[in-house]
Amino acid sequence: MRRKFTAFLAAALALLLSACADGGGQLEELRESLAQGSSVTVTAEVTALEEGRAGTYTLELVRDAESLAVTVLEPETLAGVKAVYDGETRSLEFDGLMLDMGEAQISPIDALPRLLDALEEGYETLSWPEGDDVFISLEVSDGFTATVRLDSAGKPVWAELLVDGVSAVQCDISQFSIN
């Protein structure tokens, strides 16, 4: 009886560890591609989940060696609003229109840059396969975590960003390219 139980525990542990190892390989490959690439473009539908301020925006992030900018593609009333990040500062640019940044620590306009930070610097706490995809939980800083879904090619297709364990935004990623 004791041998059967020990064998069961060993098999369960091996299964658990194999799930963790699977995500790590894909994450490392993605990180290498991001480090070697000269530019990154991400297009995603970003949904804010903050109570009382929920909203959905289609955003495009373009990052190269010199700049990072996030442009609102939809809704049409905000299309063209651009957040430009320059080191520690950011500015919104458009003819007097302003994207509601809300009180959240992660707003829709900040979601894609924060996602890139998580992918490049986050500590992998857990990963698990679901079909051909792999989900990876990343701890970025105290209170900020991200769960990312990588497709079979290792590209992000979905992400959820959490602040203090509460979902702040979700991203359905339609394009993720590294050049």
Foldseek 3Di string as FASTA:
>chain_A
DVVVVVVVVVVVVVQQVVQFVVLVVLLVVVLVLQVPFQKKKWWWWKWFDPPPDTDTWIWIWIDGPQWIKIATCDDPVRGGWMWTDHPPDIDTDDDPDDDPQDPDPARRRNVVVVVVQQSNAFDWDGWGDDVLKIWTWTDRDVQWIKIFIAGNVSDTQKMFITGNNHTGMIIGIPDIDTD
